[in-house]
């Protein structure tokens, strides 16, 4: 069984095939929707199997994050800003 997410392309709750051969930042994975074929990047915290009690919105950027971990989106934005 594959990880289930809401697809950005077809908007269905569906299974995703991870594209592990693509290099992505920590906390994110490249995927292909197994229904419509859409390819993109997902924050792993958005998986439908993760209970709502384990996640919250980041106070800084508003992205979903794990309660016990620093926000991956803020880390990614901070790393990009440092390289500009």
PDB file of N, CA and C in Angstrom:
ATOM      1  N   UNK A   1       0.839  -1.176   0.000  1.00  0.00           N
ATOM      2  CA  UNK A   1       0.000   0.000   0.000  1.00  0.00           C
ATOM      3  C   UNK A   1       0.887   1.245   0.000  1.00  0.00           C
ATOM      4  N   UNK A   2       0.503   2.241  -0.772  1.00  0.00           N
ATOM      5  CA  UNK A   2       1.253   3.483  -0.892  1.00  0.00           C
ATOM      6  C   UNK A   2       0.676   4.543   0.043  1.00  0.00           C
ATOM      7  N   UNK A   3       1.479   5.569   0.339  1.00  0.00           N
ATOM      8  CA  UNK A   3       1.038   6.678   1.186  1.00  0.00           C
ATOM      9  C   UNK A   3      -0.088   7.434   0.496  1.00  0.00           C
ATOM     10  N   UNK A   4      -1.083   7.862   1.273  1.00  0.00           N
ATOM     11  CA  UNK A   4      -2.229   8.578   0.720  1.00  0.00           C
ATOM     12  C   UNK A   4      -2.153  10.062   1.085  1.00  0.00           C
ATOM     13  N   UNK A   5      -2.427  10.910   0.101  1.00  0.00           N
ATOM     14  CA  UNK A   5      -2.466  12.357   0.247  1.00  0.00           C
ATOM     15  C   UNK A   5      -3.632  12.898  -0.560  1.00  0.00           C
ATOM     16  N   UNK A   6      -3.947  14.169  -0.367  1.00  0.00           N
ATOM     17  CA  UNK A   6      -4.879  14.845  -1.258  1.00  0.00           C
ATOM     18  C   UNK A   6      -4.043  15.403  -2.401  1.00  0.00           C
ATOM     19  N   UNK A   7      -4.373  15.028  -3.633  1.00  0.00           N
ATOM     20  CA  UNK A   7      -3.600  15.423  -4.810  1.00  0.00           C
ATOM     21  C   UNK A   7      -3.837  16.892  -5.149  1.00  0.00           C
ATOM     22  N   UNK A   8      -2.778  17.609  -5.481  1.00  0.00           N
ATOM     23  CA  UNK A   8      -2.907  19.005  -5.914  1.00  0.00           C
ATOM     24  C   UNK A   8      -3.481  19.094  -7.316  1.00  0.00           C
ATOM     25  N   UNK A   9      -3.374  18.024  -8.093  1.00  0.00           N
ATOM     26  CA  UNK A   9      -3.864  18.028  -9.471  1.00  0.00           C
ATOM     27  C   UNK A   9      -5.339  17.677  -9.571  1.00  0.00           C
ATOM     28  N   UNK A  10      -5.701  16.464  -9.136  1.00  0.00           N
ATOM     29  CA  UNK A  10      -7.084  15.990  -9.295  1.00  0.00           C
ATOM     30  C   UNK A  10      -7.939  16.214  -8.047  1.00  0.00           C
ATOM     31  N   UNK A  11      -7.324  16.668  -6.953  1.00  0.00           N
ATOM     32  CA  UNK A  11      -8.016  16.991  -5.697  1.00  0.00           C
ATOM     33  C   UNK A  11      -8.607  15.776  -4.988  1.00  0.00           C
ATOM     34  N   UNK A  12      -8.239  14.558  -5.423  1.00  0.00           N
ATOM     35  CA  UNK A  12      -8.747  13.349  -4.776  1.00  0.00           C
ATOM     36  C   UNK A  12      -7.819  12.913  -3.647  1.00  0.00           C
ATOM     37  N   UNK A  13      -8.375  12.250  -2.645  1.00  0.00           N
ATOM     38  CA  UNK A  13      -7.573  11.580  -1.634  1.00  0.00           C
ATOM     39  C   UNK A  13      -7.127  10.273  -2.265  1.00  0.00           C
ATOM     40  N   UNK A  14      -5.852  10.172  -2.572  1.00  0.00           N
ATOM     41  CA  UNK A  14      -5.382   9.062  -3.384  1.00  0.00           C
ATOM     42  C   UNK A  14      -3.997   8.601  -2.962  1.00  0.00           C
ATOM     43  N   UNK A  15      -3.554   7.508  -3.534  1.00  0.00           N
ATOM     44  CA  UNK A  15      -2.225   6.978  -3.253  1.00  0.00           C
ATOM     45  C   UNK A  15      -1.197   7.698  -4.105  1.00  0.00           C
ATOM     46  N   UNK A  16      -0.028   7.928  -3.502  1.00  0.00           N
ATOM     47  CA  UNK A  16       1.088   8.557  -4.201  1.00  0.00           C
ATOM     48  C   UNK A  16       2.233   7.573  -4.320  1.00  0.00           C
ATOM     49  N   UNK A  17       2.905   7.640  -5.429  1.00  0.00           N
ATOM     50  CA  UNK A  17       4.128   6.894  -5.650  1.00  0.00           C
ATOM     51  C   UNK A  17       5.273   7.866  -5.404  1.00  0.00           C
ATOM     52  N   UNK A  18       6.136   7.563  -4.441  1.00  0.00           N
ATOM     53  CA  UNK A  18       7.268   8.442  -4.147  1.00  0.00           C
ATOM     54  C   UNK A  18       8.306   8.330  -5.242  1.00  0.00           C
ATOM     55  N   UNK A  19       8.845   9.457  -5.666  1.00  0.00           N
ATOM     56  CA  UNK A  19       9.905   9.501  -6.665  1.00  0.00           C
ATOM     57  C   UNK A  19      11.225   9.735  -5.932  1.00  0.00           C
ATOM     58  N   UNK A  20      11.709   8.686  -5.287  1.00  0.00           N
ATOM     59  CA  UNK A  20      12.882   8.781  -4.413  1.00  0.00           C
ATOM     60  C   UNK A  20      14.167   9.137  -5.147  1.00  0.00           C
ATOM     61  N   UNK A  21      14.190   8.963  -6.466  1.00  0.00           N
ATOM     62  CA  UNK A  21      15.402   9.282  -7.209  1.00  0.00           C
ATOM     63  C   UNK A  21      15.608  10.793  -7.337  1.00  0.00           C
ATOM     64  N   UNK A  22      14.586  11.597  -7.019  1.00  0.00           N
ATOM     65  CA  UNK A  22      14.714  13.051  -7.072  1.00  0.00           C
ATOM     66  C   UNK A  22      15.167  13.579  -5.716  1.00  0.00           C
ATOM     67  N   UNK A  23      16.101  14.499  -5.728  1.00  0.00           N
ATOM     68  CA  UNK A  23      16.641  15.098  -4.510  1.00  0.00           C
ATOM     69  C   UNK A  23      15.672  16.165  -4.001  1.00  0.00           C
ATOM     70  N   UNK A  24      15.195  16.012  -2.771  1.00  0.00           N
ATOM     71  CA  UNK A  24      14.279  16.985  -2.178  1.00  0.00           C
ATOM     72  C   UNK A  24      14.778  17.382  -0.799  1.00  0.00           C
ATOM     73  N   UNK A  25      14.388  18.573  -0.324  1.00  0.00           N
ATOM     74  CA  UNK A  25      14.795  19.005   1.016  1.00  0.00           C
ATOM     75  C   UNK A  25      14.192  18.122   2.106  1.00  0.00           C
ATOM     76  N   UNK A  26      14.793  18.137   3.283  1.00  0.00           N
ATOM     77  CA  UNK A  26      14.287  17.361   4.414  1.00  0.00           C
ATOM     78  C   UNK A  26      12.839  17.745   4.701  1.00  0.00           C
ATOM     79  N   UNK A  27      12.003  16.740   4.921  1.00  0.00           N
ATOM     80  CA  UNK A  27      10.595  16.970   5.234  1.00  0.00           C
ATOM     81  C   UNK A  27       9.686  17.016   4.022  1.00  0.00           C
ATOM     82  N   UNK A  28      10.256  16.931   2.826  1.00  0.00           N
ATOM     83  CA  UNK A  28       9.480  16.985   1.588  1.00  0.00           C
ATOM     84  C   UNK A  28       9.860  15.798   0.716  1.00  0.00           C
ATOM     85  N   UNK A  29       8.911  15.368  -0.126  1.00  0.00           N
ATOM     86  CA  UNK A  29       9.176  14.258  -1.048  1.00  0.00           C
ATOM     87  C   UNK A  29       8.509  14.558  -2.384  1.00  0.00           C
ATOM     88  N   UNK A  30       9.190  14.140  -3.447  1.00  0.00           N
ATOM     89  CA  UNK A  30       8.603  14.231  -4.780  1.00  0.00           C
ATOM     90  C   UNK A  30       7.650  13.040  -4.952  1.00  0.00           C
ATOM     91  N   UNK A  31       6.536  13.270  -5.624  1.00  0.00           N
ATOM     92  CA  UNK A  31       5.519  12.230  -5.771  1.00  0.00           C
ATOM     93  C   UNK A  31       4.925  12.231  -7.171  1.00  0.00           C
ATOM     94  N   UNK A  32       4.237  11.139  -7.470  1.00  0.00           N
ATOM     95  CA  UNK A  32       3.376  11.064  -8.637  1.00  0.00           C
ATOM     96  C   UNK A  32       2.050  10.490  -8.179  1.00  0.00           C
ATOM     97  N   UNK A  33       0.958  11.185  -8.490  1.00  0.00           N
ATOM     98  CA  UNK A  33      -0.389  10.721  -8.145  1.00  0.00           C
ATOM     99  C   UNK A  33      -0.686   9.469  -8.965  1.00  0.00           C
ATOM    100  N   UNK A  34      -1.164   8.436  -8.306  1.00  0.00           N
ATOM    101  CA  UNK A  34      -1.451   7.184  -8.995  1.00  0.00           C
ATOM    102  C   UNK A  34      -2.800   7.205  -9.709  1.00  0.00           C
ATOM    103  N   UNK A  35      -3.580   8.300  -9.533  1.00  0.00           N
ATOM    104  CA  UNK A  35      -4.844   8.444 -10.261  1.00  0.00           C
ATOM    105  C   UNK A  35      -4.680   9.289 -11.522  1.00  0.00           C
ATOM    106  N   UNK A  36      -4.161  10.530 -11.360  1.00  0.00           N
ATOM    107  CA  UNK A  36      -4.109  11.442 -12.504  1.00  0.00           C
ATOM    108  C   UNK A  36      -2.713  11.599 -13.102  1.00  0.00           C
ATOM    109  N   UNK A  37      -1.667  11.091 -12.416  1.00  0.00           N
ATOM    110  CA  UNK A  37      -0.314  11.188 -12.932  1.00  0.00           C
ATOM    111  C   UNK A  37       0.398  12.485 -12.599  1.00  0.00           C
ATOM    112  N   UNK A  38      -0.258  13.388 -11.864  1.00  0.00           N
ATOM    113  CA  UNK A  38       0.338  14.660 -11.469  1.00  0.00           C
ATOM    114  C   UNK A  38       1.631  14.400 -10.696  1.00  0.00           C
ATOM    115  N   UNK A  39       2.660  15.186 -10.976  1.00  0.00           N
ATOM    116  CA  UNK A  39       3.939  15.083 -10.283  1.00  0.00           C
ATOM    117  C   UNK A  39       4.161  16.377  -9.519  1.00  0.00           C
ATOM    118  N   UNK A  40       4.655  16.271  -8.297  1.00  0.00           N
ATOM    119  CA  UNK A  40       4.898  17.467  -7.493  1.00  0.00           C
ATOM    120  C   UNK A  40       5.695  17.146  -6.248  1.00  0.00           C
ATOM    121  N   UNK A  41       5.705  18.108  -5.325  1.00  0.00           N
ATOM    122  CA  UNK A  41       6.415  17.987  -4.049  1.00  0.00           C
ATOM    123  C   UNK A  41       5.386  18.093  -2.931  1.00  0.00           C
ATOM    124  N   UNK A  42       5.466  17.219  -1.954  1.00  0.00           N
ATOM    125  CA  UNK A  42       4.562  17.257  -0.801  1.00  0.00           C
ATOM    126  C   UNK A  42       5.352  17.348   0.489  1.00  0.00           C
ATOM    127  N   UNK A  43       4.816  18.087   1.434  1.00  0.00           N
ATOM    128  CA  UNK A  43       5.309  18.099   2.803  1.00  0.00           C
ATOM    129  C   UNK A  43       4.836  16.782   3.406  1.00  0.00           C
ATOM    130  N   UNK A  44       5.745  15.963   3.936  1.00  0.00           N
ATOM    131  CA  UNK A  44       5.378  14.629   4.416  1.00  0.00           C
ATOM    132  C   UNK A  44       4.361  14.673   5.556  1.00  0.00           C
ATOM    133  N   UNK A  45       4.259  15.782   6.262  1.00  0.00           N
ATOM    134  CA  UNK A  45       3.311  15.903   7.368  1.00  0.00           C
ATOM    135  C   UNK A  45       1.861  15.911   6.864  1.00  0.00           C
ATOM    136  N   UNK A  46       1.651  16.135   5.575  1.00  0.00           N
ATOM    137  CA  UNK A  46       0.307  16.190   5.004  1.00  0.00           C
ATOM    138  C   UNK A  46      -0.281  14.819   4.666  1.00  0.00           C
ATOM    139  N   UNK A  47       0.443  13.751   4.966  1.00  0.00           N
ATOM    140  CA  UNK A  47      -0.070  12.404   4.690  1.00  0.00           C
ATOM    141  C   UNK A  47      -1.371  12.184   5.446  1.00  0.00           C
ATOM    142  N   UNK A  48      -2.353  11.582   4.798  1.00  0.00           N
ATOM    143  CA  UNK A  48      -3.670  11.367   5.404  1.00  0.00           C
ATOM    144  C   UNK A  48      -3.623  10.404   6.581  1.00  0.00           C
ATOM    145  N   UNK A  49      -2.571   9.580   6.664  1.00  0.00           N
ATOM    146  CA  UNK A  49      -2.473   8.601   7.747  1.00  0.00           C
ATOM    147  C   UNK A  49      -1.976   9.217   9.057  1.00  0.00           C
ATOM    148  N   UNK A  50      -1.487  10.439   9.034  1.00  0.00           N
ATOM    149  CA  UNK A  50      -0.966  11.088  10.237  1.00  0.00           C
ATOM    150  C   UNK A  50      -2.139  11.672  11.019  1.00  0.00           C
ATOM    151  N   UNK A  51      -2.273  11.309  12.291  1.00  0.00           N
ATOM    152  CA  UNK A  51      -3.408  11.808  13.086  1.00  0.00           C
ATOM    153  C   UNK A  51      -3.307  13.319  13.322  1.00  0.00           C
ATOM    154  N   UNK A  52      -4.451  13.980  13.349  1.00  0.00           N
ATOM    155  CA  UNK A  52      -4.494  15.426  13.579  1.00  0.00           C
ATOM    156  C   UNK A  52      -3.822  15.820  14.890  1.00  0.00           C
ATOM    157  N   UNK A  53      -3.837  14.933  15.873  1.00  0.00           N
ATOM    158  CA  UNK A  53      -3.237  15.235  17.174  1.00  0.00           C
ATOM    159  C   UNK A  53      -1.714  15.338  17.101  1.00  0.00           C
ATOM    160  N   UNK A  54      -1.102  14.849  16.015  1.00  0.00           N
ATOM    161  CA  UNK A  54       0.356  14.867  15.877  1.00  0.00           C
ATOM    162  C   UNK A  54       0.865  16.073  15.091  1.00  0.00           C
ATOM    163  N   UNK A  55      -0.061  16.880  14.529  1.00  0.00           N
ATOM    164  CA  UNK A  55       0.352  18.002  13.700  1.00  0.00           C
ATOM    165  C   UNK A  55      -0.323  19.295  14.133  1.00  0.00           C
ATOM    166  N   UNK A  56       0.264  20.402  13.704  1.00  0.00           N
ATOM    167  CA  UNK A  56      -0.324  21.721  13.964  1.00  0.00           C
ATOM    168  C   UNK A  56       0.171  22.670  12.881  1.00  0.00           C
ATOM    169  N   UNK A  57      -0.400  23.874  12.857  1.00  0.00           N
ATOM    170  CA  UNK A  57       0.055  24.902  11.932  1.00  0.00           C
ATOM    171  C   UNK A  57       1.237  25.642  12.537  1.00  0.00           C
ATOM    172  N   UNK A  58       2.211  25.969  11.713  1.00  0.00           N
ATOM    173  CA  UNK A  58       3.375  26.737  12.165  1.00  0.00           C
ATOM    174  C   UNK A  58       2.934  28.170  12.469  1.00  0.00           C
ATOM    175  N   UNK A  59       3.372  28.702  13.591  1.00  0.00           N
ATOM    176  CA  UNK A  59       3.036  30.075  13.971  1.00  0.00           C
ATOM    177  C   UNK A  59       3.679  31.108  13.049  1.00  0.00           C
ATOM    178  N   UNK A  60       4.799  30.767  12.426  1.00  0.00           N
ATOM    179  CA  UNK A  60       5.519  31.717  11.570  1.00  0.00           C
ATOM    180  C   UNK A  60       4.990  31.749  10.139  1.00  0.00           C
ATOM    181  N   UNK A  61       4.852  30.565   9.513  1.00  0.00           N
ATOM    182  CA  UNK A  61       4.510  30.537   8.083  1.00  0.00           C
ATOM    183  C   UNK A  61       3.135  29.955   7.772  1.00  0.00           C
ATOM    184  N   UNK A  62       2.526  29.270   8.732  1.00  0.00           N
ATOM    185  CA  UNK A  62       1.198  28.702   8.517  1.00  0.00           C
ATOM    186  C   UNK A  62       1.174  27.316   7.897  1.00  0.00           C
ATOM    187  N   UNK A  63       2.332  26.767   7.550  1.00  0.00           N
ATOM    188  CA  UNK A  63       2.381  25.413   6.979  1.00  0.00           C
ATOM    189  C   UNK A  63       2.096  24.379   8.060  1.00  0.00           C
ATOM    190  N   UNK A  64       1.675  23.191   7.631  1.00  0.00           N
ATOM    191  CA  UNK A  64       1.510  22.096   8.574  1.00  0.00           C
ATOM    192  C   UNK A  64       2.875  21.616   9.022  1.00  0.00           C
ATOM    193  N   UNK A  65       3.003  21.233  10.290  1.00  0.00           N
ATOM    194  CA  UNK A  65       4.252  20.699  10.825  1.00  0.00           C
ATOM    195  C   UNK A  65       3.934  19.693  11.909  1.00  0.00           C
ATOM    196  N   UNK A  66       4.901  18.827  12.206  1.00  0.00           N
ATOM    197  CA  UNK A  66       4.752  17.913  13.326  1.00  0.00           C
ATOM    198  C   UNK A  66       4.875  18.712  14.618  1.00  0.00           C
ATOM    199  N   UNK A  67       4.090  18.366  15.635  1.00  0.00           N
ATOM    200  CA  UNK A  67       4.117  19.080  16.917  1.00  0.00           C
ATOM    201  C   UNK A  67       5.502  19.109  17.541  1.00  0.00           C
ATOM    202  N   UNK A  68       6.264  18.048  17.358  1.00  0.00           N
ATOM    203  CA  UNK A  68       7.530  17.881  18.078  1.00  0.00           C
ATOM    204  C   UNK A  68       8.766  18.251  17.262  1.00  0.00           C
ATOM    205  N   UNK A  69       8.580  18.804  16.058  1.00  0.00           N
ATOM    206  CA  UNK A  69       9.712  19.077  15.170  1.00  0.00           C
ATOM    207  C   UNK A  69       9.647  20.526  14.683  1.00  0.00           C
ATOM    208  N   UNK A  70      10.819  21.105  14.441  1.00  0.00           N
ATOM    209  CA  UNK A  70      10.890  22.441  13.846  1.00  0.00           C
ATOM    210  C   UNK A  70      10.242  22.385  12.464  1.00  0.00           C
ATOM    211  N   UNK A  71       9.577  23.455  12.061  1.00  0.00           N
ATOM    212  CA  UNK A  71       8.879  23.509  10.773  1.00  0.00           C
ATOM    213  C   UNK A  71       9.852  23.353   9.604  1.00  0.00           C
ATOM    214  N   UNK A  72       9.618  22.347   8.758  1.00  0.00           N
ATOM    215  CA  UNK A  72      10.481  22.102   7.604  1.00  0.00           C
ATOM    216  C   UNK A  72      10.361  23.223   6.584  1.00  0.00           C
ATOM    217  N   UNK A  73       9.179  23.804   6.437  1.00  0.00           N
ATOM    218  CA  UNK A  73       8.988  24.893   5.482  1.00  0.00           C
ATOM    219  C   UNK A  73       9.796  26.120   5.910  1.00  0.00           C
ATOM    220  N   UNK A  74       9.760  26.466   7.194  1.00  0.00           N
ATOM    221  CA  UNK A  74      10.551  27.598   7.685  1.00  0.00           C
ATOM    222  C   UNK A  74      12.046  27.336   7.502  1.00  0.00           C
ATOM    223  N   UNK A  75      12.477  26.107   7.735  1.00  0.00           N
ATOM    224  CA  UNK A  75      13.887  25.760   7.529  1.00  0.00           C
ATOM    225  C   UNK A  75      14.277  25.938   6.068  1.00  0.00           C
ATOM    226  N   UNK A  76      13.391  25.511   5.176  1.00  0.00           N
ATOM    227  CA  UNK A  76      13.653  25.629   3.743  1.00  0.00           C
ATOM    228  C   UNK A  76      13.695  27.104   3.334  1.00  0.00           C
ATOM    229  N   UNK A  77      12.770  27.897   3.810  1.00  0.00           N
ATOM    230  CA  UNK A  77      12.746  29.332   3.493  1.00  0.00           C
ATOM    231  C   UNK A  77      14.001  30.009   4.064  1.00  0.00           C
ATOM    232  N   UNK A  78      14.380  29.659   5.284  1.00  0.00           N
ATOM    233  CA  UNK A  78      15.580  30.230   5.890  1.00  0.00           C
ATOM    234  C   UNK A  78      16.837  29.877   5.107  1.00  0.00           C
ATOM    235  N   UNK A  79      16.939  28.653   4.633  1.00  0.00           N
ATOM    236  CA  UNK A  79      18.107  28.229   3.851  1.00  0.00           C
ATOM    237  C   UNK A  79      18.148  28.972   2.525  1.00  0.00           C
ATOM    238  N   UNK A  80      16.993  29.181   1.910  1.00  0.00           N
ATOM    239  CA  UNK A  80      16.946  29.897   0.635  1.00  0.00           C
ATOM    240  C   UNK A  80      17.343  31.349   0.844  1.00  0.00           C
ATOM    241  N   UNK A  81      16.806  31.990   1.902  1.00  0.00           N
ATOM    242  CA  UNK A  81      17.136  33.390   2.185  1.00  0.00           C
ATOM    243  C   UNK A  81      18.627  33.574   2.436  1.00  0.00           C
ATOM    244  N   UNK A  82      19.247  32.586   3.075  1.00  0.00           N
ATOM    245  CA  UNK A  82      20.675  32.660   3.384  1.00  0.00           C
ATOM    246  C   UNK A  82      21.530  32.581   2.108  1.00  0.00           C
ATOM    247  N   UNK A  83      20.985  31.963   1.059  1.00  0.00           N
ATOM    248  CA  UNK A  83      21.730  31.804  -0.191  1.00  0.00           C
ATOM    249  C   UNK A  83      21.438  32.896  -1.216  1.00  0.00           C
ATOM    250  N   UNK A  84      20.556  33.819  -0.888  1.00  0.00           N
ATOM    251  CA  UNK A  84      20.179  34.879  -1.850  1.00  0.00           C
ATOM    252  C   UNK A  84      21.217  35.962  -1.873  1.00  0.00           C
TER     253      UNK A  84
END
